[in-house]
Structure formats: C-alpha cells, structure tokens
C-alpha cells in the first residue's frame, strides 16, 4: 500500500475528474437527465474500450464531452474542483495541477473568469480544509483548431491570475502541427510569462516530443511515453532533465500499449528520464492518483523511496513560486 507516501500530480484534466456520483449530482441540480448510455450497470463510465486505439480514443472523447455537458455554473466548477482535491488528499496528495479549458464558454456556457474564480475558491478552501495545494493550467485543444487557440490565448491574457501558472496543449495529437500553435503559446508567454507543457509522444510518436522541444522550448511533456521509440532522443531528453507526466492506466485504456507488461515506464526510468506519476482522467480509466502509485510499486517494482522521488520530481517541476515549492518539498523530508 502507498497511502502513507506523499503524492503530487501534474497531469489531470479537471473535467475528466468528474466522478459518476458528481455527474448525477450536477445533472439533478441543473435539471438535466443523466446522459443516456454514459454509465454502465455498475455506475462506471461506459465507452468502447474494446476496439483499436483510434476507435477507443474517439469513443472516450465522445463520452468525455457528454459527461462535461452537465457542467453549467460556477458552483459546478467549485464542486468538481473541491471534490477532486478531497479525493486526492484522502490518498496522500499534497499538490495538484489541474488542466482545464482556456475558454469554457463555447462548451459549458460560462466565462473563463467565472470558472477561474470558482476554482480559486475551491483551491483556497481545500488548502485550509485538506492541506493540499493546487494550480491551474488552461489548455489549447488541438482538434478545436488554430484560430480557437489564438482566441483562447487572448482570453487567458485578459484575466491574469495567481493560480494560473502554466499553459498546456491537449486534444488529438494527430490534428494540426505543433508549429501551428507556436503563435498561441507565444502570446501567452510573452504577455504573462507562464510556464509551458504539452501533450506529446502518446497518440503520435517521438517526433511530437522533438517538435515541442525545438519549436516551443518545452522540457515538460504530457505522457511522453513514446520517447522510447527513439533512443537518441531519449538520451537527449535525459541529458536536459526533461520531465515526463506519465499516466500508465490511461495509456493502457487507450491502447497506446496493450497491457502494463508492455508499458515503458521502467525503461524510461532506467534511461534517466525524470518521471512523475499521474491519473489523467481517472474515473474514465477506473483509476486514481493513489492507484497509479500502487501500480508503480506493485507492478513496476519501485520502492517507497523511489515513489517519493517521483513526488519530489513533480514538485520540482511544478509551475509554482519558489516559496510554495520549498514548503512542499519540506513535507517530503
């Protein structure tokens, strides 16, 4: 068991942390029916996880969008943020970074400012109630297109916030090129100085990792698991101290790898890549941050000290101020 091990997470999509129980609560509160076909007889999210990787991804994204449709108000964002931080704190997490929409208005009908303010209230309450820290990463979504990314960048710039400390890129890696999103990233970093990460090396190969590194100057990558397909790149990433936001259960559920025996987590660690463990969209993949740490120990054979090392990696790579970082690191000593 790993509950006693302090944990930290850099890669979780807030809307993807929506538990089936919270889904039902929000649907009832917003006078909506529970979306048909979304939950199975046992109350878990239902999507086609038996097909090939492409079919699974499409089915998952569709289920994700349907679940997100029950979010309608700032109070909803407060509730899902606090609920997830509470679940993580219960498993020993001391720090979370939550990826969310750079502009939720087209999807859920509320403004970016209203969403951030609601999340802020939840983060502040969780700090006081649960002794857990949290920051927010708005995301450019690749399959929403380049023009939307520019508008999203302007939205983020228009409301600077102390808890919005980084920018990321999510969505379908196969849509558009990394180069297409350079202007959107530049807008945000030049105006707000935010730190940068991006999904790379998951649905596509190691070339997206190199493109994000060379074109965006990114050294922290969402997933990054397919770096093992290019040994020269893997050695280069180890040399520069690149950080991998690894999400094992997500990778298996989406058929990036057929099972944990084929997952390259141990190979990446042995090659010197800086590892962090993450849950991605936990209820959709029947996991949690605590379970990812347990898999790290039970399946991949990492010791308590090595798992604490992954937490230390996450805090060192976190998009936070140095005073907060030092406070969190002291909890590991």
Protein backbone atom coordinates (compact mmCIF):
# COMPACT_ATOMS: atom_id res chain seq x y z
CA UNK A 1 0.00 0.00 0.00
CA UNK A 2 1.19 3.51 -0.76
CA UNK A 3 -1.29 5.70 1.11
CA UNK A 4 1.47 6.77 3.51
CA UNK A 5 3.56 8.12 0.62
CA UNK A 6 3.11 11.85 -0.11
CA UNK A 7 1.99 12.27 -3.71
CA UNK A 8 1.84 15.03 -6.30
CA UNK A 9 0.22 15.21 -9.73
CA UNK A 10 0.98 17.37 -12.76
CA UNK A 11 -1.41 15.85 -15.31
CA UNK A 12 -5.13 15.68 -14.56
CA UNK A 13 -7.92 17.15 -16.66
CA UNK A 14 -10.40 18.78 -14.32
CA UNK A 15 -13.49 17.96 -16.38
CA UNK A 16 -12.12 14.42 -16.73
CA UNK A 17 -12.04 14.01 -12.94
CA UNK A 18 -15.85 14.27 -12.82
CA UNK A 19 -16.94 11.19 -10.89
CA UNK A 20 -20.18 9.40 -11.81
CA UNK A 21 -21.55 10.46 -8.42
CA UNK A 22 -20.76 14.12 -9.11
CA UNK A 23 -22.18 13.75 -12.62
CA UNK A 24 -25.51 12.66 -11.14
CA UNK A 25 -25.45 15.49 -8.60
CA UNK A 26 -24.83 18.16 -11.24
CA UNK A 27 -27.40 16.72 -13.62
CA UNK A 28 -30.04 16.81 -10.89
CA UNK A 29 -29.11 20.31 -9.78
CA UNK A 30 -29.17 21.64 -13.35
CA UNK A 31 -32.46 19.87 -14.08
CA UNK A 32 -30.92 17.66 -16.75
CA UNK A 33 -31.36 13.96 -17.43
CA UNK A 34 -28.31 11.80 -16.90
CA UNK A 35 -26.98 11.40 -20.44
CA UNK A 36 -28.24 8.13 -21.85
CA UNK A 37 -25.75 5.33 -22.35
CA UNK A 38 -22.98 7.10 -20.45
CA UNK A 39 -22.94 4.85 -17.36
CA UNK A 40 -22.93 1.06 -17.22
CA UNK A 41 -24.94 -1.11 -14.83
CA UNK A 42 -22.24 -0.79 -12.16
CA UNK A 43 -22.21 3.01 -12.35
CA UNK A 44 -18.93 3.35 -14.25
CA UNK A 45 -18.44 5.44 -17.38
CA UNK A 46 -19.16 3.39 -20.47
CA UNK A 47 -17.25 3.82 -23.69
CA UNK A 48 -15.86 1.47 -26.30
CA UNK A 49 -12.65 0.20 -24.75
CA UNK A 50 -12.51 -2.99 -26.82
CA UNK A 51 -11.59 -1.60 -30.24
CA UNK A 52 -8.28 -0.45 -31.66
CA UNK A 53 -6.52 2.64 -30.34
CA UNK A 54 -8.22 5.03 -32.77
CA UNK A 55 -11.71 3.73 -32.02
CA UNK A 56 -11.08 3.82 -28.28
CA UNK A 57 -9.86 7.41 -28.42
CA UNK A 58 -12.91 8.57 -30.37
CA UNK A 59 -15.28 6.75 -28.03
CA UNK A 60 -13.51 8.14 -24.96
CA UNK A 61 -13.55 11.74 -26.27
CA UNK A 62 -17.26 11.43 -27.05
CA UNK A 63 -18.02 10.13 -23.54
CA UNK A 64 -15.87 12.89 -22.04
CA UNK A 65 -17.80 15.56 -23.96
CA UNK A 66 -21.16 14.10 -22.97
CA UNK A 67 -20.17 13.97 -19.29
CA UNK A 68 -18.89 17.56 -19.43
CA UNK A 69 -22.28 18.70 -20.73
CA UNK A 70 -23.74 18.57 -17.18
CA UNK A 71 -21.39 21.38 -16.06
CA UNK A 72 -23.35 24.62 -16.32
CA UNK A 73 -22.49 27.03 -13.49
CA UNK A 74 -19.57 28.41 -11.50
CA UNK A 75 -20.87 26.44 -8.50
CA UNK A 76 -20.41 23.29 -10.57
CA UNK A 77 -16.76 24.17 -11.13
CA UNK A 78 -16.31 24.83 -7.43
CA UNK A 79 -17.81 21.45 -6.60
CA UNK A 80 -15.83 19.36 -9.07
CA UNK A 81 -12.58 21.10 -8.11
CA UNK A 82 -13.06 20.66 -4.37
CA UNK A 83 -14.33 17.10 -4.82
CA UNK A 84 -11.24 16.06 -6.76
CA UNK A 85 -8.83 17.76 -4.37
CA UNK A 86 -10.56 16.00 -1.48
CA UNK A 87 -10.26 12.61 -3.17
CA UNK A 88 -6.58 13.24 -3.87
CA UNK A 89 -5.86 14.47 -0.34
CA UNK A 90 -7.51 11.33 1.02
CA UNK A 91 -4.91 9.32 -0.92
CA UNK A 92 -2.00 11.39 0.33
CA UNK A 93 -1.59 14.04 -2.37
CA UNK A 94 -0.05 17.34 -1.30
CA UNK A 95 -0.07 19.06 -4.71
CA UNK A 96 -2.23 19.00 -7.84
CA UNK A 97 -2.09 20.78 -11.19
CA UNK A 98 -5.43 20.80 -12.99
CA UNK A 99 -5.73 21.24 -16.73
CA UNK A 100 -8.95 22.91 -17.85
CA UNK A 101 -10.46 24.87 -20.72
CA UNK A 102 -8.72 28.07 -21.78
CA UNK A 103 -12.24 29.26 -22.56
CA UNK A 104 -15.17 27.21 -21.26
CA UNK A 105 -17.87 29.44 -22.74
CA UNK A 106 -18.39 27.59 -26.05
CA UNK A 107 -18.55 24.25 -24.24
CA UNK A 108 -20.26 24.83 -20.88
CA UNK A 109 -21.64 28.34 -21.27
CA UNK A 110 -19.80 30.25 -18.55
CA UNK A 111 -16.91 32.69 -18.83
CA UNK A 112 -13.26 31.90 -18.23
CA UNK A 113 -13.21 34.45 -15.41
CA UNK A 114 -16.18 32.83 -13.68
CA UNK A 115 -14.60 29.38 -13.99
CA UNK A 116 -11.23 30.52 -12.62
CA UNK A 117 -12.85 32.39 -9.72
CA UNK A 118 -14.88 29.31 -8.77
CA UNK A 119 -11.82 27.07 -8.96
CA UNK A 120 -9.89 29.59 -6.87
CA UNK A 121 -12.49 29.45 -4.11
CA UNK A 122 -12.28 25.66 -4.12
CA UNK A 123 -8.47 25.69 -4.06
CA UNK A 124 -8.40 28.10 -1.13
CA UNK A 125 -10.92 26.06 0.83
CA UNK A 126 -9.08 22.81 0.08
CA UNK A 127 -5.82 24.32 1.30
CA UNK A 128 -7.46 25.23 4.61
CA UNK A 129 -9.51 22.05 4.99
CA UNK A 130 -7.26 19.41 3.47
CA UNK A 131 -3.70 20.80 3.48
CA UNK A 132 -3.36 20.35 -0.29
CA UNK A 133 -2.03 22.90 -2.80
CA UNK A 134 -3.23 23.36 -6.38
CA UNK A 135 -2.56 25.37 -9.55
CA UNK A 136 -4.42 25.73 -12.88
CA UNK A 137 -3.24 25.11 -16.45
CA UNK A 138 -5.55 26.31 -19.26
CA UNK A 139 -5.23 24.17 -22.38
CA UNK A 140 -5.16 24.78 -26.10
CA UNK A 141 -7.14 21.89 -27.62
CA UNK A 142 -5.57 20.77 -30.89
CA UNK A 143 -8.74 19.47 -32.50
CA UNK A 144 -10.50 22.78 -31.80
CA UNK A 145 -8.16 24.38 -34.32
CA UNK A 146 -5.57 27.11 -34.55
CA UNK A 147 -7.91 30.10 -34.67
CA UNK A 148 -9.63 28.94 -31.48
CA UNK A 149 -6.21 28.63 -29.82
CA UNK A 150 -5.40 32.27 -30.61
CA UNK A 151 -8.73 33.39 -29.18
CA UNK A 152 -8.18 31.20 -26.13
CA UNK A 153 -4.76 32.76 -25.61
CA UNK A 154 -6.34 36.22 -25.66
CA UNK A 155 -8.93 35.07 -23.13
CA UNK A 156 -6.23 33.85 -20.72
CA UNK A 157 -4.21 37.07 -21.18
CA UNK A 158 -7.25 39.21 -20.40
CA UNK A 159 -7.54 37.74 -16.89
CA UNK A 160 -4.14 37.15 -15.28
CA UNK A 161 -4.45 35.12 -12.10
CA UNK A 162 -2.03 33.97 -9.43
CA UNK A 163 -3.24 30.37 -9.67
CA UNK A 164 -2.97 30.21 -13.46
CA UNK A 165 0.72 29.42 -13.63
CA UNK A 166 1.15 27.47 -16.86
CA UNK A 167 -0.26 26.77 -20.29
CA UNK A 168 -0.60 23.39 -21.96
CA UNK A 169 -1.82 21.77 -25.16
CA UNK A 170 -4.18 18.80 -25.15
CA UNK A 171 -6.57 17.10 -27.55
CA UNK A 172 -5.91 14.99 -30.60
CA UNK A 173 -2.17 14.94 -31.28
CA UNK A 174 -2.86 13.98 -34.88
CA UNK A 175 -4.72 17.23 -35.59
CA UNK A 176 -2.71 20.16 -36.97
CA UNK A 177 1.01 20.54 -36.35
CA UNK A 178 2.94 21.73 -33.31
CA UNK A 179 4.19 24.64 -35.42
CA UNK A 180 0.60 25.82 -35.87
CA UNK A 181 0.32 26.55 -32.13
CA UNK A 182 3.56 28.49 -31.71
CA UNK A 183 1.77 31.89 -32.08
CA UNK A 184 -0.79 30.99 -29.38
CA UNK A 185 1.91 29.87 -26.96
CA UNK A 186 3.98 32.97 -27.69
CA UNK A 187 1.02 35.25 -26.99
CA UNK A 188 0.59 33.81 -23.52
CA UNK A 189 4.24 33.50 -22.56
CA UNK A 190 5.19 36.97 -23.84
CA UNK A 191 2.29 38.65 -22.05
CA UNK A 192 2.05 36.61 -18.85
CA UNK A 193 5.32 34.69 -18.64
CA UNK A 194 3.54 31.39 -17.97
CA UNK A 195 5.42 28.10 -17.90
CA UNK A 196 4.78 25.61 -20.71
CA UNK A 197 3.96 21.94 -21.13
CA UNK A 198 2.16 19.95 -23.85
CA UNK A 199 0.80 16.51 -24.62
CA UNK A 200 3.37 14.79 -26.83
CA UNK A 201 4.51 11.27 -27.59
CA UNK A 202 1.26 9.50 -26.78
CA UNK A 203 -1.08 9.16 -29.77
CA UNK A 204 1.79 10.16 -32.05
CA UNK A 205 5.40 9.10 -31.97
CA UNK A 206 8.58 10.68 -30.62
CA UNK A 207 8.58 13.30 -33.38
CA UNK A 208 6.00 15.34 -31.48
CA UNK A 209 8.27 15.41 -28.43
CA UNK A 210 11.11 16.80 -30.51
CA UNK A 211 8.81 19.35 -32.18
CA UNK A 212 7.50 20.59 -28.83
CA UNK A 213 11.06 20.85 -27.54
CA UNK A 214 12.52 22.60 -30.58
CA UNK A 215 9.57 24.81 -31.59
CA UNK A 216 8.03 25.61 -28.20
CA UNK A 217 11.02 25.27 -25.90
CA UNK A 218 9.14 22.74 -23.78
CA UNK A 219 11.01 20.39 -21.43
CA UNK A 220 7.98 19.01 -19.54
CA UNK A 221 5.74 16.73 -21.55
CA UNK A 222 2.31 15.19 -21.07
CA UNK A 223 2.68 11.40 -21.38
CA UNK A 224 5.98 11.31 -23.38
CA UNK A 225 5.95 7.51 -23.29
CA UNK A 226 6.80 7.00 -26.95
CA UNK A 227 10.16 8.64 -26.46
CA UNK A 228 11.43 5.06 -26.08
CA UNK A 229 10.98 4.58 -29.84
CA UNK A 230 13.93 6.95 -30.49
CA UNK A 231 16.91 6.05 -28.31
CA UNK A 232 18.88 9.14 -29.37
CA UNK A 233 16.01 11.42 -28.41
CA UNK A 234 15.53 9.58 -25.12
CA UNK A 235 19.19 10.10 -24.25
CA UNK A 236 18.92 13.76 -25.20
CA UNK A 237 15.81 14.22 -23.06
CA UNK A 238 17.54 12.57 -20.12
CA UNK A 239 20.54 14.88 -20.55
CA UNK A 240 18.43 18.04 -20.45
CA UNK A 241 16.37 16.83 -17.48
CA UNK A 242 13.08 16.58 -19.39
CA UNK A 243 10.10 15.72 -17.20
CA UNK A 244 7.56 13.07 -18.21
CA UNK A 245 3.98 13.29 -16.96
CA UNK A 246 3.36 9.54 -17.20
CA UNK A 247 -0.21 8.18 -16.95
CA UNK A 248 0.04 4.36 -17.09
CA UNK A 249 -3.64 3.41 -16.73
CA UNK A 250 -4.65 5.98 -19.34
CA UNK A 251 -2.09 4.58 -21.78
CA UNK A 252 -3.47 1.06 -21.36
CA UNK A 253 -7.13 2.09 -21.55
CA UNK A 254 -6.48 3.98 -24.79
CA UNK A 255 -4.35 1.16 -26.18
CA UNK A 256 -1.13 3.09 -26.53
CA UNK A 257 0.16 -0.19 -25.06
CA UNK A 258 -1.76 -3.47 -24.81
CA UNK A 259 -1.05 -4.03 -21.12
CA UNK A 260 1.21 -2.96 -18.27
CA UNK A 261 3.79 -5.58 -19.19
CA UNK A 262 4.44 -3.62 -22.37
CA UNK A 263 4.37 -0.17 -20.77
CA UNK A 264 7.79 1.60 -20.91
CA UNK A 265 7.69 3.31 -17.51
CA UNK A 266 10.59 1.27 -16.14
CA UNK A 267 12.54 1.67 -19.40
CA UNK A 268 12.15 5.46 -19.22
CA UNK A 269 13.23 5.50 -15.58
CA UNK A 270 16.29 3.36 -16.31
CA UNK A 271 17.23 5.70 -19.18
CA UNK A 272 17.34 8.66 -16.80
CA UNK A 273 14.07 10.39 -17.74
CA UNK A 274 12.59 12.39 -14.85
CA UNK A 275 9.37 10.54 -14.01
CA UNK A 276 6.14 11.78 -12.44
CA UNK A 277 3.00 9.66 -11.98
CA UNK A 278 -0.44 10.96 -12.94
CA UNK A 279 -4.04 9.83 -13.42
CA UNK A 280 -5.11 11.90 -16.49
CA UNK A 281 -8.94 11.35 -16.47
CA UNK A 282 -9.23 8.95 -13.53
CA UNK A 283 -12.90 7.87 -13.40
CA UNK A 284 -12.92 7.17 -17.13
CA UNK A 285 -9.96 4.82 -16.72
CA UNK A 286 -11.10 3.33 -13.39
CA UNK A 287 -8.07 4.69 -11.60
CA UNK A 288 -6.90 7.39 -9.19
CA UNK A 289 -3.60 9.01 -8.32
CA UNK A 290 -3.24 6.58 -5.43
CA UNK A 291 -3.75 3.63 -7.75
CA UNK A 292 -1.06 4.90 -10.13
CA UNK A 293 1.41 4.95 -7.25
CA UNK A 294 0.30 1.45 -6.26
CA UNK A 295 0.90 0.25 -9.81
CA UNK A 296 4.32 1.87 -9.65
CA UNK A 297 5.11 -0.26 -6.63
CA UNK A 298 3.21 -3.49 -7.24
CA UNK A 299 3.70 -3.88 -10.98
CA UNK A 300 6.83 -1.89 -11.82
CA UNK A 301 8.67 -2.64 -8.60
CA UNK A 302 9.53 0.86 -7.45
CA UNK A 303 10.44 1.23 -3.79
CA UNK A 304 8.90 3.68 -1.34
CA UNK A 305 11.94 5.91 -1.70
CA UNK A 306 11.68 5.85 -5.50
CA UNK A 307 7.98 6.71 -5.37
CA UNK A 308 8.73 9.61 -3.04
CA UNK A 309 11.35 10.56 -5.63
CA UNK A 310 8.61 10.77 -8.25
CA UNK A 311 6.70 13.11 -5.94
CA UNK A 312 9.84 15.19 -5.47
CA UNK A 313 10.26 15.31 -9.26
CA UNK A 314 6.72 16.61 -9.63
CA UNK A 315 7.15 19.33 -7.04
CA UNK A 316 10.47 20.43 -8.52
CA UNK A 317 8.86 20.59 -11.98
CA UNK A 318 5.63 22.17 -10.75
CA UNK A 319 4.58 25.56 -12.04
CA UNK A 320 4.67 27.25 -8.64
CA UNK A 321 6.57 30.01 -6.88
CA UNK A 322 9.73 29.05 -5.01
CA UNK A 323 8.32 29.71 -1.55
CA UNK A 324 5.46 27.25 -2.15
CA UNK A 325 7.86 24.75 -3.70
CA UNK A 326 10.10 24.80 -0.64
CA UNK A 327 7.13 24.32 1.69
CA UNK A 328 6.01 21.27 -0.30
CA UNK A 329 9.49 19.78 -0.51
CA UNK A 330 9.87 20.03 3.26
CA UNK A 331 6.87 17.70 3.58
CA UNK A 332 8.96 15.00 1.89
CA UNK A 333 11.99 15.32 4.16
